[in-house]
Amino acid sequence: MVKEDLVIKIGRRIRSLRQKKGWTQTYMAVHLGLDRSYLSDVERGKRELCLRNIEVIAIGFDLTPSQLLRGL
């Protein structure tokens, strides 16, 4: 059995959280101070997140980094 890649799982989690908030990628990028194309790549599993950006994204969703990553 092949496990799903962690980068893809994180991207899906972030996309799901963004959609639950009703945010567009553009709104999220402005809200978090990150580039929209970077966030798009993260959501699609094309870019890996550094620890600092995990923290920025978690705080943007009113979560701790451990809450953002829990269960992955």
N, C-alpha and C. Protein backbone atom coordinates (compact mmCIF):
# COMPACT_ATOMS: atom_id res chain seq x y z
N MET A 1 0.84 -1.18 0.00
CA MET A 1 0.00 0.00 0.00
C MET A 1 0.89 1.25 0.00
N VAL A 2 0.62 2.19 -0.88
CA VAL A 2 1.37 3.43 -0.98
C VAL A 2 0.65 4.50 -0.18
N LYS A 3 1.37 5.12 0.74
CA LYS A 3 0.78 6.20 1.53
C LYS A 3 0.76 7.47 0.71
N GLU A 4 -0.28 8.27 0.93
CA GLU A 4 -0.38 9.54 0.24
C GLU A 4 0.71 10.49 0.76
N ASP A 5 1.30 11.23 -0.12
CA ASP A 5 2.37 12.15 0.21
C ASP A 5 1.91 13.21 1.20
N LEU A 6 2.74 13.49 2.20
CA LEU A 6 2.43 14.47 3.22
C LEU A 6 2.19 15.86 2.63
N VAL A 7 2.95 16.23 1.63
CA VAL A 7 2.79 17.55 1.00
C VAL A 7 1.39 17.69 0.40
N ILE A 8 0.88 16.63 -0.20
CA ILE A 8 -0.46 16.65 -0.78
C ILE A 8 -1.51 16.72 0.32
N LYS A 9 -1.31 15.98 1.40
CA LYS A 9 -2.26 16.01 2.52
C LYS A 9 -2.35 17.40 3.13
N ILE A 10 -1.21 18.04 3.34
CA ILE A 10 -1.21 19.39 3.91
C ILE A 10 -1.93 20.35 2.97
N GLY A 11 -1.64 20.24 1.68
CA GLY A 11 -2.30 21.10 0.70
C GLY A 11 -3.80 20.93 0.71
N ARG A 12 -4.26 19.71 0.79
CA ARG A 12 -5.71 19.45 0.84
C ARG A 12 -6.33 20.02 2.11
N ARG A 13 -5.62 19.88 3.22
CA ARG A 13 -6.12 20.43 4.49
C ARG A 13 -6.27 21.94 4.39
N ILE A 14 -5.27 22.60 3.84
CA ILE A 14 -5.30 24.06 3.72
C ILE A 14 -6.42 24.49 2.77
N ARG A 15 -6.57 23.81 1.66
CA ARG A 15 -7.65 24.13 0.72
C ARG A 15 -9.02 23.97 1.40
N SER A 16 -9.18 22.89 2.13
CA SER A 16 -10.44 22.64 2.83
C SER A 16 -10.74 23.74 3.85
N LEU A 17 -9.75 24.11 4.63
CA LEU A 17 -9.94 25.18 5.61
C LEU A 17 -10.28 26.50 4.93
N ARG A 18 -9.58 26.79 3.84
CA ARG A 18 -9.84 28.04 3.09
C ARG A 18 -11.27 28.06 2.57
N GLN A 19 -11.70 26.95 1.99
CA GLN A 19 -13.04 26.89 1.43
C GLN A 19 -14.12 26.98 2.51
N LYS A 20 -13.86 26.37 3.67
CA LYS A 20 -14.81 26.47 4.78
C LYS A 20 -14.98 27.90 5.26
N LYS A 21 -13.91 28.68 5.17
CA LYS A 21 -13.98 30.10 5.53
C LYS A 21 -14.63 30.93 4.43
N GLY A 22 -14.77 30.36 3.24
CA GLY A 22 -15.33 31.10 2.12
C GLY A 22 -14.33 32.05 1.48
N TRP A 23 -13.05 31.77 1.70
CA TRP A 23 -12.00 32.63 1.16
C TRP A 23 -11.58 32.18 -0.23
N THR A 24 -11.27 33.15 -1.08
CA THR A 24 -10.60 32.85 -2.34
C THR A 24 -9.10 32.73 -2.04
N GLN A 25 -8.36 32.19 -2.99
CA GLN A 25 -6.91 32.16 -2.81
C GLN A 25 -6.35 33.56 -2.72
N THR A 26 -6.91 34.47 -3.48
CA THR A 26 -6.43 35.86 -3.45
C THR A 26 -6.66 36.48 -2.09
N TYR A 27 -7.87 36.30 -1.53
CA TYR A 27 -8.15 36.85 -0.20
C TYR A 27 -7.20 36.24 0.83
N MET A 28 -7.02 34.93 0.78
CA MET A 28 -6.15 34.26 1.74
C MET A 28 -4.73 34.78 1.63
N ALA A 29 -4.25 34.96 0.42
CA ALA A 29 -2.89 35.47 0.22
C ALA A 29 -2.71 36.84 0.86
N VAL A 30 -3.67 37.72 0.65
CA VAL A 30 -3.59 39.06 1.23
C VAL A 30 -3.69 38.97 2.75
N HIS A 31 -4.64 38.17 3.23
CA HIS A 31 -4.87 38.01 4.68
C HIS A 31 -3.62 37.47 5.38
N LEU A 32 -2.91 36.55 4.75
CA LEU A 32 -1.74 35.93 5.37
C LEU A 32 -0.43 36.60 5.01
N GLY A 33 -0.44 37.46 4.00
CA GLY A 33 0.79 38.11 3.57
C GLY A 33 1.70 37.18 2.78
N LEU A 34 1.07 36.22 2.07
CA LEU A 34 1.82 35.28 1.23
C LEU A 34 1.38 35.45 -0.22
N ASP A 35 2.21 35.02 -1.13
CA ASP A 35 1.90 35.12 -2.55
C ASP A 35 0.81 34.13 -2.96
N ARG A 36 -0.14 34.57 -3.77
CA ARG A 36 -1.25 33.72 -4.19
C ARG A 36 -0.77 32.51 -4.96
N SER A 37 0.19 32.68 -5.85
CA SER A 37 0.67 31.54 -6.63
C SER A 37 1.39 30.53 -5.74
N TYR A 38 2.06 31.00 -4.71
CA TYR A 38 2.70 30.11 -3.75
C TYR A 38 1.63 29.27 -3.04
N LEU A 39 0.57 29.92 -2.57
CA LEU A 39 -0.51 29.21 -1.88
C LEU A 39 -1.19 28.22 -2.82
N SER A 40 -1.37 28.59 -4.06
CA SER A 40 -1.95 27.69 -5.05
C SER A 40 -1.08 26.44 -5.19
N ASP A 41 0.22 26.64 -5.30
CA ASP A 41 1.14 25.50 -5.41
C ASP A 41 1.11 24.63 -4.16
N VAL A 42 1.00 25.25 -2.98
CA VAL A 42 0.91 24.49 -1.73
C VAL A 42 -0.36 23.65 -1.74
N GLU A 43 -1.47 24.24 -2.10
CA GLU A 43 -2.75 23.52 -2.11
C GLU A 43 -2.73 22.33 -3.07
N ARG A 44 -1.99 22.45 -4.16
CA ARG A 44 -1.91 21.38 -5.15
C ARG A 44 -0.79 20.39 -4.86
N GLY A 45 -0.08 20.59 -3.76
CA GLY A 45 1.01 19.68 -3.40
C GLY A 45 2.25 19.85 -4.25
N LYS A 46 2.41 21.01 -4.86
CA LYS A 46 3.56 21.27 -5.72
C LYS A 46 4.70 21.98 -4.99
N ARG A 47 4.40 22.55 -3.82
CA ARG A 47 5.42 23.25 -3.02
C ARG A 47 5.35 22.76 -1.59
N GLU A 48 6.49 22.68 -0.95
CA GLU A 48 6.55 22.31 0.45
C GLU A 48 6.56 23.56 1.32
N LEU A 49 5.93 23.45 2.46
CA LEU A 49 5.87 24.56 3.40
C LEU A 49 7.07 24.53 4.34
N CYS A 50 7.63 25.70 4.64
CA CYS A 50 8.63 25.79 5.69
C CYS A 50 7.89 25.97 7.02
N LEU A 51 8.59 25.77 8.11
CA LEU A 51 7.96 25.87 9.43
C LEU A 51 7.34 27.24 9.67
N ARG A 52 8.01 28.27 9.25
CA ARG A 52 7.50 29.64 9.45
C ARG A 52 6.15 29.82 8.74
N ASN A 53 6.03 29.31 7.52
CA ASN A 53 4.76 29.46 6.79
C ASN A 53 3.66 28.57 7.35
N ILE A 54 4.03 27.42 7.92
CA ILE A 54 3.04 26.61 8.62
C ILE A 54 2.45 27.42 9.76
N GLU A 55 3.31 28.12 10.49
CA GLU A 55 2.84 28.95 11.60
C GLU A 55 1.96 30.10 11.09
N VAL A 56 2.38 30.77 10.04
CA VAL A 56 1.60 31.88 9.48
C VAL A 56 0.21 31.41 9.05
N ILE A 57 0.15 30.28 8.36
CA ILE A 57 -1.13 29.75 7.88
C ILE A 57 -1.99 29.32 9.06
N ALA A 58 -1.41 28.63 10.02
CA ALA A 58 -2.18 28.19 11.19
C ALA A 58 -2.79 29.38 11.92
N ILE A 59 -1.99 30.39 12.18
CA ILE A 59 -2.49 31.58 12.87
C ILE A 59 -3.59 32.24 12.06
N GLY A 60 -3.44 32.27 10.74
CA GLY A 60 -4.46 32.86 9.88
C GLY A 60 -5.82 32.15 9.99
N PHE A 61 -5.78 30.88 10.32
CA PHE A 61 -7.01 30.10 10.51
C PHE A 61 -7.38 29.99 12.00
N ASP A 62 -6.72 30.76 12.85
CA ASP A 62 -6.96 30.73 14.30
C ASP A 62 -6.69 29.34 14.88
N LEU A 63 -5.62 28.72 14.40
CA LEU A 63 -5.20 27.41 14.88
C LEU A 63 -3.76 27.48 15.35
N THR A 64 -3.35 26.47 16.08
CA THR A 64 -1.92 26.31 16.36
C THR A 64 -1.34 25.47 15.23
N PRO A 65 -0.03 25.50 15.03
CA PRO A 65 0.55 24.63 14.01
C PRO A 65 0.22 23.17 14.24
N SER A 66 0.21 22.73 15.50
CA SER A 66 -0.11 21.31 15.76
C SER A 66 -1.56 20.99 15.40
N GLN A 67 -2.47 21.94 15.60
CA GLN A 67 -3.87 21.71 15.19
C GLN A 67 -3.98 21.62 13.67
N LEU A 68 -3.24 22.46 12.98
CA LEU A 68 -3.26 22.44 11.51
C LEU A 68 -2.77 21.10 10.97
N LEU A 69 -1.76 20.54 11.61
CA LEU A 69 -1.13 19.32 11.11
C LEU A 69 -1.68 18.03 11.73
N ARG A 70 -2.54 18.15 12.72
CA ARG A 70 -3.04 16.98 13.43
C ARG A 70 -3.71 15.99 12.48
N GLY A 71 -3.35 14.73 12.65
CA GLY A 71 -3.98 13.65 11.88
C GLY A 71 -3.40 13.40 10.50
N LEU A 72 -2.41 14.18 10.11
CA LEU A 72 -1.84 13.97 8.79
C LEU A 72 -0.84 12.83 8.86
